[in-house]
Amino acid sequence: MKKILVIFLCLGVFLCSVSACKKDENTIIIGTMYQPGEPILNFVKDKFEDKGYQLKIQLFTSFSLPNDALAEGSIDANLFQHEPFLNTYNTAQNQNLKSVLAYYDCVYGGYTKKNINSVDEIPDGSQVTVASDASNLSRCLYILEAAGLIRLQDNIEIAMLENIVSNPKNLKIVPVSTELIAQTLDDENTYLGIVNATYAITAGLSKDQLICMEEDPEHINANILAVRSEDVDKKWVKDLIEVLIDEETIQFINDTFKGTIIPYCKKVA
């Protein structure tokens, strides 16, 4: 009898512990990067909490982690990526994360710390650093092609290094983890690095150091708010989108990032 009582007591303690660990339904955890996601989410935090929620911000330093965290349920949404990146992740990991808002465009382009003003001044044989993940590598290569530094095979959707058919300056194009590209600009032989705005802002790079950039008139690479598929129609998602796209938030983005981050605000779901 005593053993049975002990078992029930232990079970009760366990259930209480599990209950205590469960996140309140109105506590919403959003994963993002230090720039530009954190300041934007901090700006809307009070607005979102006025709607009855508690907003927690989970910061990441690598693009490889926020989708895993969302898929496993440790966060409720993330704000850091464009849809092609999400699609690549979903395919590779057999997941079904969903975009619910195409939120803002990030200036994505080639920065330099050398004393040059255009890509024409990049010396032959110089090193150029690009993103190593497939979706961003393709973007980088198309930026280099648009700048006249390389030519790619025709009619390809996702460009890889092997798709380069012409490299007149014999540039050494080196794939690097996205978060490290800005640091490579301090290398003696690196004359150009294709840097995402997230890391350009963090590294203190300025528009004066930007000598080529991506054109994206269809906003294919707009950064998105992503959630799990079962949460797409949840009220908290709609309420979060509402505070993210209101006029005060858009003004904050424009004033803070001065053209480096450009609001787009197209609801996907």
C-alpha atoms as a PDB file:
ATOM      1  CA  MET A   1       0.000   0.000   0.000  1.00  0.00           C
ATOM      2  CA  LYS A   2       2.856   2.327   0.873  1.00  0.00           C
ATOM      3  CA  LYS A   3       4.528   1.534  -2.457  1.00  0.00           C
ATOM      4  CA  ILE A   4       1.315   2.392  -4.323  1.00  0.00           C
ATOM      5  CA  LEU A   5       1.044   5.659  -2.415  1.00  0.00           C
ATOM      6  CA  VAL A   6       4.653   6.532  -3.251  1.00  0.00           C
ATOM      7  CA  ILE A   7       4.008   5.782  -6.932  1.00  0.00           C
ATOM      8  CA  PHE A   8       0.951   8.056  -6.980  1.00  0.00           C
ATOM      9  CA  LEU A   9       2.843  10.801  -5.182  1.00  0.00           C
ATOM     10  CA  CYS A  10       5.716  10.564  -7.664  1.00  0.00           C
ATOM     11  CA  LEU A  11       3.261  10.570 -10.570  1.00  0.00           C
ATOM     12  CA  GLY A  12       1.575  13.653  -9.133  1.00  0.00           C
ATOM     13  CA  VAL A  13       4.894  15.467  -8.814  1.00  0.00           C
ATOM     14  CA  PHE A  14       5.785  14.471 -12.400  1.00  0.00           C
ATOM     15  CA  LEU A  15       2.482  15.716 -13.807  1.00  0.00           C
ATOM     16  CA  CYS A  16       2.795  18.968 -11.883  1.00  0.00           C
ATOM     17  CA  SER A  17       6.301  19.407 -13.265  1.00  0.00           C
ATOM     18  CA  VAL A  18       5.116  18.788 -16.821  1.00  0.00           C
ATOM     19  CA  SER A  19       2.246  21.219 -16.343  1.00  0.00           C
ATOM     20  CA  ALA A  20       4.587  23.865 -14.967  1.00  0.00           C
ATOM     21  CA  CYS A  21       6.874  23.436 -17.977  1.00  0.00           C
ATOM     22  CA  LYS A  22       4.085  23.913 -20.522  1.00  0.00           C
ATOM     23  CA  LYS A  23       4.207  27.328 -22.160  1.00  0.00           C
ATOM     24  CA  ASP A  24       1.201  29.553 -21.680  1.00  0.00           C
ATOM     25  CA  GLU A  25      -0.841  29.649 -24.904  1.00  0.00           C
ATOM     26  CA  ASN A  26      -0.601  33.435 -24.974  1.00  0.00           C
ATOM     27  CA  THR A  27       3.201  33.408 -24.707  1.00  0.00           C
ATOM     28  CA  ILE A  28       4.576  33.646 -28.236  1.00  0.00           C
ATOM     29  CA  ILE A  29       8.272  32.995 -28.869  1.00  0.00           C
ATOM     30  CA  ILE A  30       9.715  34.362 -32.098  1.00  0.00           C
ATOM     31  CA  GLY A  31      13.160  33.444 -33.390  1.00  0.00           C
ATOM     32  CA  THR A  32      15.135  36.073 -35.251  1.00  0.00           C
ATOM     33  CA  MET A  33      18.591  37.569 -35.803  1.00  0.00           C
ATOM     34  CA  TYR A  34      20.166  40.553 -34.054  1.00  0.00           C
ATOM     35  CA  GLN A  35      19.597  42.655 -37.176  1.00  0.00           C
ATOM     36  CA  PRO A  36      17.084  43.706 -38.298  1.00  0.00           C
ATOM     37  CA  GLY A  37      14.659  41.351 -36.545  1.00  0.00           C
ATOM     38  CA  GLU A  38      15.427  42.109 -32.906  1.00  0.00           C
ATOM     39  CA  PRO A  39      14.866  45.893 -33.027  1.00  0.00           C
ATOM     40  CA  ILE A  40      11.685  45.464 -35.080  1.00  0.00           C
ATOM     41  CA  LEU A  41      10.236  42.885 -32.694  1.00  0.00           C
ATOM     42  CA  ASN A  42      11.226  44.956 -29.674  1.00  0.00           C
ATOM     43  CA  PHE A  43       9.385  47.888 -31.232  1.00  0.00           C
ATOM     44  CA  VAL A  44       6.136  45.915 -31.640  1.00  0.00           C
ATOM     45  CA  LYS A  45       6.410  44.086 -28.318  1.00  0.00           C
ATOM     46  CA  ASP A  46       4.167  46.467 -26.357  1.00  0.00           C
ATOM     47  CA  LYS A  47       1.649  46.646 -29.210  1.00  0.00           C
ATOM     48  CA  PHE A  48       1.437  42.856 -29.325  1.00  0.00           C
ATOM     49  CA  GLU A  49       1.162  42.585 -25.562  1.00  0.00           C
ATOM     50  CA  ASP A  50      -1.696  45.120 -25.629  1.00  0.00           C
ATOM     51  CA  LYS A  51      -3.571  42.466 -27.610  1.00  0.00           C
ATOM     52  CA  GLY A  52      -3.213  39.998 -24.737  1.00  0.00           C
ATOM     53  CA  TYR A  53       0.034  38.193 -25.516  1.00  0.00           C
ATOM     54  CA  GLN A  54       3.489  37.932 -24.022  1.00  0.00           C
ATOM     55  CA  LEU A  55       6.180  38.215 -26.665  1.00  0.00           C
ATOM     56  CA  LYS A  56       9.537  36.549 -26.143  1.00  0.00           C
ATOM     57  CA  ILE A  57      12.371  37.027 -28.617  1.00  0.00           C
ATOM     58  CA  GLN A  58      14.820  34.164 -29.192  1.00  0.00           C
ATOM     59  CA  LEU A  59      18.011  35.379 -30.872  1.00  0.00           C
ATOM     60  CA  PHE A  60      20.057  33.249 -33.255  1.00  0.00           C
ATOM     61  CA  THR A  61      23.454  33.920 -34.805  1.00  0.00           C
ATOM     62  CA  SER A  62      23.290  31.342 -37.594  1.00  0.00           C
ATOM     63  CA  PHE A  63      20.787  30.872 -40.418  1.00  0.00           C
ATOM     64  CA  SER A  64      20.942  27.098 -39.915  1.00  0.00           C
ATOM     65  CA  LEU A  65      19.087  27.044 -36.577  1.00  0.00           C
ATOM     66  CA  PRO A  66      15.776  29.000 -36.510  1.00  0.00           C
ATOM     67  CA  ASN A  67      13.888  26.614 -38.806  1.00  0.00           C
ATOM     68  CA  ASP A  68      14.933  23.601 -36.740  1.00  0.00           C
ATOM     69  CA  ALA A  69      13.725  25.405 -33.617  1.00  0.00           C
ATOM     70  CA  LEU A  70      10.388  26.202 -35.274  1.00  0.00           C
ATOM     71  CA  ALA A  71       9.912  22.660 -36.578  1.00  0.00           C
ATOM     72  CA  GLU A  72      10.611  21.089 -33.173  1.00  0.00           C
ATOM     73  CA  GLY A  73       8.317  23.541 -31.389  1.00  0.00           C
ATOM     74  CA  SER A  74      10.746  25.450 -29.160  1.00  0.00           C
ATOM     75  CA  ILE A  75       9.682  28.677 -30.900  1.00  0.00           C
ATOM     76  CA  ASP A  76       6.332  29.644 -32.452  1.00  0.00           C
ATOM     77  CA  ALA A  77       7.492  31.693 -35.446  1.00  0.00           C
ATOM     78  CA  ASN A  78      10.650  33.003 -37.019  1.00  0.00           C
ATOM     79  CA  LEU A  79      11.623  36.132 -38.910  1.00  0.00           C
ATOM     80  CA  PHE A  80      14.981  35.874 -40.669  1.00  0.00           C
ATOM     81  CA  GLN A  81      14.753  34.253 -44.113  1.00  0.00           C
ATOM     82  CA  HIS A  82      13.326  34.528 -47.604  1.00  0.00           C
ATOM     83  CA  GLU A  83      10.909  32.000 -49.076  1.00  0.00           C
ATOM     84  CA  PRO A  84      13.422  30.193 -51.337  1.00  0.00           C
ATOM     85  CA  PHE A  85      15.518  29.462 -48.227  1.00  0.00           C
ATOM     86  CA  LEU A  86      12.427  28.144 -46.432  1.00  0.00           C
ATOM     87  CA  ASN A  87      11.460  25.997 -49.418  1.00  0.00           C
ATOM     88  CA  THR A  88      14.953  24.498 -49.552  1.00  0.00           C
ATOM     89  CA  TYR A  89      14.744  23.702 -45.844  1.00  0.00           C
ATOM     90  CA  ASN A  90      11.287  22.130 -46.128  1.00  0.00           C
ATOM     91  CA  THR A  91      12.426  19.889 -48.965  1.00  0.00           C
ATOM     92  CA  ALA A  92      15.664  18.831 -47.308  1.00  0.00           C
ATOM     93  CA  GLN A  93      14.122  18.191 -43.887  1.00  0.00           C
ATOM     94  CA  ASN A  94      10.685  16.946 -45.009  1.00  0.00           C
ATOM     95  CA  GLN A  95       8.968  19.775 -43.142  1.00  0.00           C
ATOM     96  CA  ASN A  96       5.977  21.965 -43.952  1.00  0.00           C
ATOM     97  CA  LEU A  97       6.760  25.334 -42.388  1.00  0.00           C
ATOM     98  CA  LYS A  98       4.691  28.142 -43.901  1.00  0.00           C
ATOM     99  CA  SER A  99       5.241  31.766 -44.798  1.00  0.00           C
ATOM    100  CA  VAL A 100       2.402  34.026 -43.631  1.00  0.00           C
ATOM    101  CA  LEU A 101       3.879  37.445 -44.419  1.00  0.00           C
ATOM    102  CA  ALA A 102       6.401  38.675 -46.978  1.00  0.00           C
ATOM    103  CA  TYR A 103       7.581  41.472 -44.734  1.00  0.00           C
ATOM    104  CA  TYR A 104      10.615  43.417 -45.935  1.00  0.00           C
ATOM    105  CA  ASP A 105      13.317  43.479 -48.580  1.00  0.00           C
ATOM    106  CA  CYS A 106      16.940  43.429 -47.438  1.00  0.00           C
ATOM    107  CA  VAL A 107      19.577  45.126 -49.532  1.00  0.00           C
ATOM    108  CA  TYR A 108      21.798  42.254 -50.692  1.00  0.00           C
ATOM    109  CA  GLY A 109      24.958  43.120 -52.498  1.00  0.00           C
ATOM    110  CA  GLY A 110      28.697  43.291 -52.888  1.00  0.00           C
ATOM    111  CA  TYR A 111      30.627  45.239 -50.271  1.00  0.00           C
ATOM    112  CA  THR A 112      34.306  46.131 -50.260  1.00  0.00           C
ATOM    113  CA  LYS A 113      36.756  47.610 -47.782  1.00  0.00           C
ATOM    114  CA  LYS A 114      39.349  48.300 -50.449  1.00  0.00           C
ATOM    115  CA  ASN A 115      39.954  51.713 -51.986  1.00  0.00           C
ATOM    116  CA  ILE A 116      37.821  51.095 -55.058  1.00  0.00           C
ATOM    117  CA  ASN A 117      34.547  52.600 -56.243  1.00  0.00           C
ATOM    118  CA  SER A 118      33.246  50.037 -58.734  1.00  0.00           C
ATOM    119  CA  VAL A 119      33.535  46.381 -59.678  1.00  0.00           C
ATOM    120  CA  ASP A 120      35.587  47.429 -62.730  1.00  0.00           C
ATOM    121  CA  GLU A 121      38.446  48.295 -60.357  1.00  0.00           C
ATOM    122  CA  ILE A 122      38.624  44.812 -58.811  1.00  0.00           C
ATOM    123  CA  PRO A 123      42.056  43.407 -59.798  1.00  0.00           C
ATOM    124  CA  ASP A 124      42.312  40.223 -61.835  1.00  0.00           C
ATOM    125  CA  GLY A 125      42.681  37.125 -59.680  1.00  0.00           C
ATOM    126  CA  SER A 126      41.123  38.711 -56.602  1.00  0.00           C
ATOM    127  CA  GLN A 127      39.060  36.742 -54.114  1.00  0.00           C
ATOM    128  CA  VAL A 128      35.301  37.175 -53.906  1.00  0.00           C
ATOM    129  CA  THR A 129      33.353  35.598 -51.037  1.00  0.00           C
ATOM    130  CA  VAL A 130      29.809  34.318 -51.496  1.00  0.00           C
ATOM    131  CA  ALA A 131      27.272  32.409 -49.405  1.00  0.00           C
ATOM    132  CA  SER A 132      27.814  28.666 -49.113  1.00  0.00           C
ATOM    133  CA  ASP A 133      24.154  27.551 -48.760  1.00  0.00           C
ATOM    134  CA  ALA A 134      22.462  26.704 -52.051  1.00  0.00           C
ATOM    135  CA  SER A 135      19.711  29.338 -52.209  1.00  0.00           C
ATOM    136  CA  ASN A 136      21.933  32.252 -51.199  1.00  0.00           C
ATOM    137  CA  LEU A 137      24.862  31.038 -53.288  1.00  0.00           C
ATOM    138  CA  SER A 138      22.605  31.270 -56.322  1.00  0.00           C
ATOM    139  CA  ARG A 139      21.616  34.824 -55.391  1.00  0.00           C
ATOM    140  CA  CYS A 140      25.266  35.791 -54.992  1.00  0.00           C
ATOM    141  CA  LEU A 141      26.212  34.383 -58.377  1.00  0.00           C
ATOM    142  CA  TYR A 142      23.380  36.251 -60.087  1.00  0.00           C
ATOM    143  CA  ILE A 143      24.551  39.459 -58.397  1.00  0.00           C
ATOM    144  CA  LEU A 144      28.046  38.855 -59.792  1.00  0.00           C
ATOM    145  CA  GLU A 145      26.584  38.179 -63.229  1.00  0.00           C
ATOM    146  CA  ALA A 146      24.479  41.351 -63.152  1.00  0.00           C
ATOM    147  CA  ALA A 147      27.638  43.278 -62.234  1.00  0.00           C
ATOM    148  CA  GLY A 148      29.397  41.873 -65.311  1.00  0.00           C
ATOM    149  CA  LEU A 149      31.984  39.890 -63.348  1.00  0.00           C
ATOM    150  CA  ILE A 150      30.891  36.424 -64.483  1.00  0.00           C
ATOM    151  CA  ARG A 151      28.484  34.796 -66.921  1.00  0.00           C
ATOM    152  CA  LEU A 152      26.267  31.846 -66.030  1.00  0.00           C
ATOM    153  CA  GLN A 153      24.699  29.138 -68.159  1.00  0.00           C
ATOM    154  CA  ASP A 154      21.345  30.108 -69.615  1.00  0.00           C
ATOM    155  CA  ASN A 155      18.014  28.854 -68.298  1.00  0.00           C
ATOM    156  CA  ILE A 156      19.040  27.708 -64.835  1.00  0.00           C
ATOM    157  CA  GLU A 157      16.985  28.449 -61.749  1.00  0.00           C
ATOM    158  CA  ILE A 158      19.453  27.662 -58.961  1.00  0.00           C
ATOM    159  CA  ALA A 159      22.983  28.631 -59.997  1.00  0.00           C
ATOM    160  CA  MET A 160      26.024  26.786 -58.669  1.00  0.00           C
ATOM    161  CA  LEU A 161      29.751  27.407 -59.141  1.00  0.00           C
ATOM    162  CA  GLU A 162      29.874  24.789 -61.897  1.00  0.00           C
ATOM    163  CA  ASN A 163      27.338  26.872 -63.873  1.00  0.00           C
ATOM    164  CA  ILE A 164      29.872  29.688 -64.387  1.00  0.00           C
ATOM    165  CA  VAL A 165      30.826  29.700 -68.071  1.00  0.00           C
ATOM    166  CA  SER A 166      32.871  32.905 -68.134  1.00  0.00           C
ATOM    167  CA  ASN A 167      35.061  34.571 -65.493  1.00  0.00           C
ATOM    168  CA  PRO A 168      37.093  37.220 -67.371  1.00  0.00           C
ATOM    169  CA  LYS A 169      38.940  38.518 -64.297  1.00  0.00           C
ATOM    170  CA  ASN A 170      39.774  34.969 -63.135  1.00  0.00           C
ATOM    171  CA  LEU A 171      38.207  35.749 -59.799  1.00  0.00           C
ATOM    172  CA  LYS A 172      38.617  33.226 -57.008  1.00  0.00           C
ATOM    173  CA  ILE A 173      34.995  32.772 -55.874  1.00  0.00           C
ATOM    174  CA  VAL A 174      34.968  31.265 -52.389  1.00  0.00           C
ATOM    175  CA  PRO A 175      31.784  30.008 -50.639  1.00  0.00           C
ATOM    176  CA  VAL A 176      31.705  30.968 -46.945  1.00  0.00           C
ATOM    177  CA  SER A 177      29.078  30.624 -44.204  1.00  0.00           C
ATOM    178  CA  THR A 178      26.721  33.577 -44.595  1.00  0.00           C
ATOM    179  CA  GLU A 179      27.413  34.947 -41.127  1.00  0.00           C
ATOM    180  CA  LEU A 180      31.183  35.104 -41.806  1.00  0.00           C
ATOM    181  CA  ILE A 181      31.287  36.847 -45.195  1.00  0.00           C
ATOM    182  CA  ALA A 182      31.537  40.388 -43.782  1.00  0.00           C
ATOM    183  CA  GLN A 183      34.611  39.347 -41.789  1.00  0.00           C
ATOM    184  CA  THR A 184      36.396  38.166 -44.936  1.00  0.00           C
ATOM    185  CA  LEU A 185      36.465  41.734 -46.231  1.00  0.00           C
ATOM    186  CA  ASP A 186      39.423  42.347 -43.908  1.00  0.00           C
ATOM    187  CA  ASP A 187      41.464  39.738 -45.790  1.00  0.00           C
ATOM    188  CA  GLU A 188      44.166  41.223 -47.985  1.00  0.00           C
ATOM    189  CA  ASN A 189      43.046  39.464 -51.166  1.00  0.00           C
ATOM    190  CA  THR A 190      39.264  39.715 -50.689  1.00  0.00           C
ATOM    191  CA  TYR A 191      38.041  42.634 -52.771  1.00  0.00           C
ATOM    192  CA  LEU A 192      34.350  41.822 -52.677  1.00  0.00           C
ATOM    193  CA  GLY A 193      31.965  39.980 -50.381  1.00  0.00           C
ATOM    194  CA  ILE A 194      28.278  39.453 -51.137  1.00  0.00           C
ATOM    195  CA  VAL A 195      26.715  40.281 -47.775  1.00  0.00           C
ATOM    196  CA  ASN A 196      23.111  39.963 -46.613  1.00  0.00           C
ATOM    197  CA  ALA A 197      21.754  43.127 -44.968  1.00  0.00           C
ATOM    198  CA  THR A 198      21.352  41.249 -41.677  1.00  0.00           C
ATOM    199  CA  TYR A 199      25.103  40.842 -41.379  1.00  0.00           C
ATOM    200  CA  ALA A 200      26.027  44.057 -43.195  1.00  0.00           C
ATOM    201  CA  ILE A 201      24.182  46.065 -40.522  1.00  0.00           C
ATOM    202  CA  THR A 202      25.734  44.035 -37.713  1.00  0.00           C
ATOM    203  CA  ALA A 203      29.228  44.484 -39.186  1.00  0.00           C
ATOM    204  CA  GLY A 204      28.761  48.235 -39.558  1.00  0.00           C
ATOM    205  CA  LEU A 205      29.112  48.196 -43.344  1.00  0.00           C
ATOM    206  CA  SER A 206      27.834  51.353 -45.031  1.00  0.00           C
ATOM    207  CA  LYS A 207      26.208  52.124 -48.350  1.00  0.00           C
ATOM    208  CA  ASP A 208      29.467  53.789 -49.405  1.00  0.00           C
ATOM    209  CA  GLN A 209      31.083  50.344 -49.360  1.00  0.00           C
ATOM    210  CA  LEU A 210      28.333  48.788 -51.509  1.00  0.00           C
ATOM    211  CA  ILE A 211      29.477  48.609 -55.148  1.00  0.00           C
ATOM    212  CA  CYS A 212      26.920  46.190 -56.623  1.00  0.00           C
ATOM    213  CA  MET A 213      23.570  44.901 -55.494  1.00  0.00           C
ATOM    214  CA  GLU A 214      20.694  42.561 -56.242  1.00  0.00           C
ATOM    215  CA  GLU A 215      17.606  43.685 -58.101  1.00  0.00           C
ATOM    216  CA  ASP A 216      14.451  41.883 -57.011  1.00  0.00           C
ATOM    217  CA  PRO A 217      11.409  43.621 -58.548  1.00  0.00           C
ATOM    218  CA  GLU A 218       9.162  40.610 -57.824  1.00  0.00           C
ATOM    219  CA  HIS A 219      10.197  40.549 -54.127  1.00  0.00           C
ATOM    220  CA  ILE A 220      11.030  36.864 -54.409  1.00  0.00           C
ATOM    221  CA  ASN A 221      13.643  37.281 -51.701  1.00  0.00           C
ATOM    222  CA  ALA A 222      11.609  39.388 -49.290  1.00  0.00           C
ATOM    223  CA  ASN A 223      12.148  38.273 -45.712  1.00  0.00           C
ATOM    224  CA  ILE A 224       9.185  36.390 -44.336  1.00  0.00           C
ATOM    225  CA  LEU A 225       7.390  35.586 -41.105  1.00  0.00           C
ATOM    226  CA  ALA A 226       7.175  31.782 -40.908  1.00  0.00           C
ATOM    227  CA  VAL A 227       5.084  29.516 -38.665  1.00  0.00           C
ATOM    228  CA  ARG A 228       4.182  25.841 -38.447  1.00  0.00           C
ATOM    229  CA  SER A 229       1.441  24.817 -40.887  1.00  0.00           C
ATOM    230  CA  GLU A 230      -1.045  24.074 -38.092  1.00  0.00           C
ATOM    231  CA  ASP A 231      -0.717  27.634 -36.787  1.00  0.00           C
ATOM    232  CA  VAL A 232      -1.322  29.541 -40.017  1.00  0.00           C
ATOM    233  CA  ASP A 233      -4.899  30.501 -39.142  1.00  0.00           C
ATOM    234  CA  LYS A 234      -4.343  31.093 -35.430  1.00  0.00           C
ATOM    235  CA  LYS A 235      -5.539  34.415 -34.032  1.00  0.00           C
ATOM    236  CA  TRP A 236      -2.119  35.246 -32.591  1.00  0.00           C
ATOM    237  CA  VAL A 237      -0.620  35.030 -36.091  1.00  0.00           C
ATOM    238  CA  LYS A 238      -3.147  37.524 -37.467  1.00  0.00           C
ATOM    239  CA  ASP A 239      -2.636  39.822 -34.462  1.00  0.00           C
ATOM    240  CA  LEU A 240       1.135  39.668 -34.849  1.00  0.00           C
ATOM    241  CA  ILE A 241       0.935  40.529 -38.548  1.00  0.00           C
ATOM    242  CA  GLU A 242      -1.336  43.458 -37.697  1.00  0.00           C
ATOM    243  CA  VAL A 243       1.240  45.083 -35.399  1.00  0.00           C
ATOM    244  CA  LEU A 244       4.129  44.295 -37.738  1.00  0.00           C
ATOM    245  CA  ILE A 245       2.566  46.139 -40.668  1.00  0.00           C
ATOM    246  CA  ASP A 246       0.928  49.093 -38.949  1.00  0.00           C
ATOM    247  CA  GLU A 247       2.023  52.613 -39.940  1.00  0.00           C
ATOM    248  CA  GLU A 248       4.086  53.273 -36.809  1.00  0.00           C
ATOM    249  CA  THR A 249       6.115  50.087 -37.295  1.00  0.00           C
ATOM    250  CA  ILE A 250       6.742  50.840 -40.955  1.00  0.00           C
ATOM    251  CA  GLN A 251       7.899  54.343 -40.036  1.00  0.00           C
ATOM    252  CA  PHE A 252      10.221  52.853 -37.419  1.00  0.00           C
ATOM    253  CA  ILE A 253      11.793  50.561 -40.026  1.00  0.00           C
ATOM    254  CA  ASN A 254      12.293  53.414 -42.471  1.00  0.00           C
ATOM    255  CA  ASP A 255      13.780  55.719 -39.833  1.00  0.00           C
ATOM    256  CA  THR A 256      16.024  53.062 -38.296  1.00  0.00           C
ATOM    257  CA  PHE A 257      17.464  51.336 -41.331  1.00  0.00           C
ATOM    258  CA  LYS A 258      17.444  54.252 -43.784  1.00  0.00           C
ATOM    259  CA  GLY A 259      16.854  52.243 -46.947  1.00  0.00           C
ATOM    260  CA  THR A 260      18.851  49.131 -46.018  1.00  0.00           C
ATOM    261  CA  ILE A 261      15.631  47.380 -44.970  1.00  0.00           C
ATOM    262  CA  ILE A 262      12.613  48.234 -47.137  1.00  0.00           C
ATOM    263  CA  PRO A 263       9.075  47.317 -45.957  1.00  0.00           C
ATOM    264  CA  TYR A 264       7.030  45.224 -48.406  1.00  0.00           C
ATOM    265  CA  CYS A 265       4.214  43.861 -46.213  1.00  0.00           C
ATOM    266  CA  LYS A 266       2.372  41.364 -48.385  1.00  0.00           C
ATOM    267  CA  LYS A 267       0.206  38.885 -46.487  1.00  0.00           C
ATOM    268  CA  VAL A 268       0.725  35.367 -47.797  1.00  0.00           C
ATOM    269  CA  ALA A 269      -1.999  33.604 -45.829  1.00  0.00           C
END
